[in-house]
Amino acid sequence: MQYTHEVEHMMCVKKGCDHGPSPIPEEGKWVQAREIKDISGFTHGVGWCAPQQGACKLTLNVKEGVIQEALIETLGCTGMTHSAAMASEAIIGKTILEAMNTDLVCDAINTAMRELFLQIVYGRSQSAFSEDGLPIGAGLEDLGKGLRSVTGTMFATLDKGPRYMEMAEGYITKLALDKNDEIIGYSFVNFGRMMDFIKKGVSADEALKKASGTYGRFADAVKTIDPREE
């Protein structure tokens, strides 16, 4: 340790009491975090790239400072899917400090990691008040049946109005319109469920029927349209 000449010749004045850092909530406990290994938590964060062409939702499960589980979901950028594939290997097993200083391939993923770091070290994790936190694998529960990300895709123009293309239920096949040409419902295919049926040996046609459904007043439609074609 090097000291300047001025500091070396200063007399020593003892500091007063030291209560340490403020405790933060972690997995049902109050923790005075002094080292990376003191940090645990399960949480989510969203990141974006500089041109804001795409976004990433990152979910981490951290135990004693080490990332044990990661869910990387991407939106709006095809290249980011490959970045996420590489990041999923790069991030596991690192401490959250190491992950903060690791090139996670894509700006959006790096930004998401930054946002998560802030949440976790400040005790703002989703599992802050859950005793012992969440088990490894809890991130998959965000995906629901079929293990597919929840994606919403809508498109609209002033002249032609809105088009629903992807909702929580799945891929939209038809929009139901009333006599005023206003949307009153839709039909959909849940691709996750459809693929599960096919993997179990159900024919593609039958799987499509079993994974299809409607929402709203679809049965009352005056007419239906394909939102991608009509």
Protein backbone atom coordinates (compact mmCIF):
# COMPACT_ATOMS: atom_id res chain seq x y z
CA MET A 1 0.00 0.00 0.00
CA GLN A 2 1.46 3.35 -0.96
CA TYR A 3 0.68 6.57 0.88
CA THR A 4 1.45 10.14 -0.12
CA HIS A 5 4.00 12.06 1.90
CA GLU A 6 1.25 14.20 3.41
CA VAL A 7 -0.76 11.20 4.63
CA GLU A 8 2.29 9.41 6.03
CA HIS A 9 2.96 12.30 8.39
CA MET A 10 -0.63 12.62 9.62
CA MET A 11 -1.42 11.49 13.15
CA CYS A 12 -3.87 8.62 13.55
CA VAL A 13 -7.39 9.50 14.69
CA LYS A 14 -9.47 6.48 15.60
CA LYS A 15 -12.82 6.09 13.91
CA GLY A 16 -15.95 5.51 15.93
CA CYS A 17 -18.28 2.53 15.92
CA ASP A 18 -18.68 0.43 12.77
CA HIS A 19 -22.00 -1.35 12.38
CA GLY A 20 -21.15 -2.75 8.96
CA PRO A 21 -23.43 -2.66 5.91
CA SER A 22 -27.19 -2.41 6.17
CA PRO A 23 -28.80 -5.86 6.07
CA ILE A 24 -30.64 -6.80 2.88
CA PRO A 25 -33.45 -9.38 2.51
CA GLU A 26 -32.23 -12.63 0.97
CA GLU A 27 -34.26 -15.82 0.69
CA GLY A 28 -36.14 -15.26 3.93
CA LYS A 29 -33.14 -13.93 5.90
CA TRP A 30 -31.59 -10.54 6.63
CA VAL A 31 -27.98 -10.59 5.45
CA GLN A 32 -25.11 -8.16 5.91
CA ALA A 33 -23.43 -8.68 2.54
CA ARG A 34 -19.68 -8.19 2.70
CA GLU A 35 -18.52 -10.63 0.02
CA ILE A 36 -19.92 -12.04 -3.20
CA LYS A 37 -20.57 -15.40 -1.50
CA ASP A 38 -23.01 -13.60 0.82
CA ILE A 39 -25.35 -12.96 -2.11
CA SER A 40 -28.23 -15.30 -3.00
CA GLY A 41 -31.48 -14.72 -4.88
CA PHE A 42 -33.74 -15.53 -7.81
CA THR A 43 -34.80 -12.66 -10.04
CA HIS A 44 -35.47 -11.30 -13.53
CA GLY A 45 -34.16 -8.34 -15.50
CA VAL A 46 -34.52 -6.81 -18.93
CA GLY A 47 -31.72 -5.45 -21.13
CA TRP A 48 -31.50 -3.71 -24.48
CA CYS A 49 -28.83 -2.99 -27.05
CA ALA A 50 -27.54 0.45 -28.06
CA PRO A 51 -29.73 0.78 -31.19
CA GLN A 52 -32.62 -0.76 -29.16
CA GLN A 53 -33.35 -3.17 -31.97
CA GLY A 54 -33.76 -6.07 -29.58
CA ALA A 55 -34.33 -6.87 -25.92
CA CYS A 56 -33.39 -9.66 -23.54
CA LYS A 57 -35.15 -10.96 -20.46
CA LEU A 58 -32.63 -12.68 -18.20
CA THR A 59 -33.59 -14.85 -15.23
CA LEU A 60 -30.93 -15.94 -12.75
CA ASN A 61 -30.92 -18.21 -9.71
CA VAL A 62 -27.92 -17.32 -7.56
CA LYS A 63 -26.80 -19.40 -4.57
CA GLU A 64 -23.94 -18.12 -2.39
CA GLY A 65 -22.77 -15.77 -5.12
CA VAL A 66 -22.63 -18.39 -7.90
CA ILE A 67 -25.08 -18.49 -10.82
CA GLN A 68 -26.70 -21.92 -10.72
CA GLU A 69 -29.49 -21.37 -13.26
CA ALA A 70 -30.07 -18.99 -16.16
CA LEU A 71 -33.01 -18.47 -18.49
CA ILE A 72 -32.27 -16.20 -21.47
CA GLU A 73 -35.22 -15.02 -23.56
CA THR A 74 -34.70 -12.74 -26.56
CA LEU A 75 -36.96 -10.55 -28.66
CA GLY A 76 -36.69 -8.60 -31.88
CA CYS A 77 -33.21 -9.61 -33.06
CA THR A 78 -32.35 -12.83 -34.87
CA GLY A 79 -28.65 -12.56 -34.05
CA MET A 80 -29.40 -12.37 -30.36
CA THR A 81 -30.72 -15.94 -30.36
CA HIS A 82 -27.22 -17.18 -31.21
CA SER A 83 -25.74 -14.79 -28.67
CA ALA A 84 -28.06 -16.23 -26.04
CA ALA A 85 -26.94 -19.75 -26.94
CA MET A 86 -23.32 -18.81 -26.25
CA ALA A 87 -24.18 -16.76 -23.16
CA SER A 88 -26.09 -19.68 -21.63
CA GLU A 89 -22.82 -21.62 -21.53
CA ALA A 90 -20.65 -18.68 -20.52
CA ILE A 91 -22.71 -17.51 -17.56
CA ILE A 92 -23.36 -20.73 -15.61
CA GLY A 93 -20.99 -21.39 -12.71
CA LYS A 94 -19.66 -17.84 -12.56
CA THR A 95 -20.08 -15.54 -9.60
CA ILE A 96 -22.32 -12.57 -10.30
CA LEU A 97 -19.22 -10.35 -10.22
CA GLU A 98 -17.51 -12.52 -12.83
CA ALA A 99 -20.66 -12.52 -14.98
CA MET A 100 -20.80 -8.73 -14.79
CA ASN A 101 -17.32 -8.66 -16.30
CA THR A 102 -17.85 -11.41 -18.86
CA ASP A 103 -18.65 -10.63 -22.50
CA LEU A 104 -22.10 -12.20 -22.75
CA VAL A 105 -21.87 -11.77 -26.54
CA CYS A 106 -24.74 -9.31 -26.96
CA ASP A 107 -25.23 -5.79 -25.53
CA ALA A 108 -28.82 -6.57 -24.58
CA ILE A 109 -27.75 -9.62 -22.56
CA ASN A 110 -24.89 -7.67 -20.96
CA THR A 111 -27.30 -4.89 -20.01
CA ALA A 112 -29.75 -7.40 -18.54
CA MET A 113 -26.91 -8.84 -16.44
CA ARG A 114 -26.13 -5.34 -15.16
CA GLU A 115 -29.74 -4.76 -14.17
CA LEU A 116 -29.93 -8.11 -12.38
CA PHE A 117 -26.68 -7.45 -10.53
CA LEU A 118 -28.13 -4.24 -9.13
CA GLN A 119 -31.35 -5.95 -8.05
CA ILE A 120 -29.63 -8.89 -6.38
CA VAL A 121 -26.91 -7.01 -4.48
CA TYR A 122 -29.45 -4.48 -3.18
CA GLY A 123 -31.76 -7.22 -1.93
CA ARG A 124 -34.48 -6.59 -4.52
CA SER A 125 -34.71 -10.18 -5.78
CA GLN A 126 -38.00 -11.94 -6.47
CA SER A 127 -37.14 -14.47 -3.74
CA ALA A 128 -36.10 -11.90 -1.12
CA PHE A 129 -38.74 -13.09 1.34
CA SER A 130 -39.01 -16.74 0.23
CA GLU A 131 -37.43 -18.99 2.85
CA ASP A 132 -34.41 -20.80 1.36
CA GLY A 133 -35.19 -19.18 -2.00
CA LEU A 134 -36.37 -21.05 -5.07
CA PRO A 135 -35.08 -24.46 -6.22
CA ILE A 136 -32.82 -24.75 -9.24
CA GLY A 137 -35.14 -25.12 -12.22
CA ALA A 138 -37.67 -22.55 -11.05
CA GLY A 139 -36.91 -20.46 -14.14
CA LEU A 140 -38.62 -23.01 -16.37
CA GLU A 141 -41.91 -22.30 -14.59
CA ASP A 142 -41.95 -18.89 -16.31
CA LEU A 143 -42.33 -20.68 -19.63
CA GLY A 144 -45.47 -22.66 -18.82
CA LYS A 145 -46.65 -25.72 -20.72
CA GLY A 146 -44.60 -26.53 -23.78
CA LEU A 147 -41.65 -24.57 -22.37
CA ARG A 148 -42.05 -21.63 -24.75
CA SER A 149 -41.49 -17.97 -23.98
CA VAL A 150 -44.59 -15.83 -23.66
CA THR A 151 -44.53 -13.45 -26.64
CA GLY A 152 -47.03 -10.85 -27.76
CA THR A 153 -46.96 -9.61 -31.35
CA MET A 154 -49.37 -6.98 -32.63
CA PHE A 155 -49.23 -4.84 -35.77
CA ALA A 156 -51.44 -1.90 -36.70
CA THR A 157 -51.77 0.82 -39.31
CA LEU A 158 -54.02 3.86 -39.31
CA ASP A 159 -55.69 2.82 -42.57
CA LYS A 160 -56.16 -0.89 -41.85
CA GLY A 161 -56.33 -1.09 -38.06
CA PRO A 162 -54.84 -3.68 -35.68
CA ARG A 163 -53.72 -7.25 -36.32
CA TYR A 164 -53.18 -9.67 -33.43
CA MET A 165 -50.53 -12.21 -34.44
CA GLU A 166 -49.26 -13.80 -31.24
CA MET A 167 -50.93 -13.77 -27.82
CA ALA A 168 -50.33 -15.56 -24.53
CA GLU A 169 -52.40 -18.48 -25.81
CA GLY A 170 -50.25 -18.88 -28.93
CA TYR A 171 -50.12 -18.21 -32.67
CA ILE A 172 -53.26 -16.40 -33.88
CA THR A 173 -54.90 -18.07 -36.87
CA LYS A 174 -58.09 -16.03 -37.22
CA LEU A 175 -59.48 -12.74 -35.93
CA ALA A 176 -63.21 -12.64 -35.19
CA LEU A 177 -64.97 -9.44 -36.30
CA ASP A 178 -68.46 -8.15 -35.50
CA LYS A 179 -70.78 -6.24 -37.84
CA ASN A 180 -68.72 -3.08 -37.27
CA ASP A 181 -65.51 -4.92 -38.22
CA GLU A 182 -64.27 -4.64 -34.64
CA ILE A 183 -62.28 -7.51 -33.08
CA ILE A 184 -64.33 -9.58 -30.63
CA GLY A 185 -62.14 -12.67 -30.35
CA TYR A 186 -59.62 -14.91 -32.05
CA SER A 187 -58.63 -18.50 -32.69
CA PHE A 188 -55.14 -19.74 -31.92
CA VAL A 189 -52.71 -22.65 -31.98
CA ASN A 190 -50.50 -23.33 -28.99
CA PHE A 191 -47.31 -24.55 -30.68
CA GLY A 192 -45.80 -25.83 -27.43
CA ARG A 193 -48.75 -28.14 -26.79
CA MET A 194 -48.88 -29.12 -30.46
CA MET A 195 -45.26 -30.25 -30.46
CA ASP A 196 -45.78 -32.14 -27.19
CA PHE A 197 -48.62 -34.10 -28.82
CA ILE A 198 -46.54 -34.84 -31.92
CA LYS A 199 -43.61 -36.06 -29.82
CA LYS A 200 -46.01 -38.48 -28.13
CA GLY A 201 -46.97 -39.98 -31.50
CA VAL A 202 -50.14 -38.02 -32.27
CA SER A 203 -50.52 -37.22 -35.97
CA ALA A 204 -49.82 -33.65 -37.04
CA ASP A 205 -53.45 -33.04 -38.06
CA GLU A 206 -54.81 -34.38 -34.78
CA ALA A 207 -52.17 -32.50 -32.77
CA LEU A 208 -53.15 -29.28 -34.53
CA LYS A 209 -56.80 -29.79 -33.56
CA LYS A 210 -55.99 -30.68 -29.94
CA ALA A 211 -53.73 -27.64 -29.54
CA SER A 212 -56.21 -25.18 -31.08
CA GLY A 213 -58.74 -23.03 -29.28
CA THR A 214 -60.64 -19.75 -29.29
CA TYR A 215 -60.83 -16.70 -27.07
CA GLY A 216 -63.53 -14.08 -26.56
CA ARG A 217 -66.78 -14.10 -28.54
CA PHE A 218 -65.30 -15.99 -31.46
CA ALA A 219 -68.53 -17.95 -32.03
CA ASP A 220 -70.46 -14.67 -32.49
CA ALA A 221 -68.24 -13.44 -35.32
CA VAL A 222 -69.92 -12.01 -38.42
CA LYS A 223 -66.72 -12.86 -40.27
CA THR A 224 -63.18 -14.02 -39.56
CA ILE A 225 -59.94 -12.98 -41.20
CA ASP A 226 -56.36 -14.26 -41.30
CA PRO A 227 -54.38 -11.43 -39.62
CA ARG A 228 -51.30 -12.18 -41.73
CA GLU A 229 -53.02 -12.37 -45.12
CA GLU A 230 -56.21 -10.31 -45.07
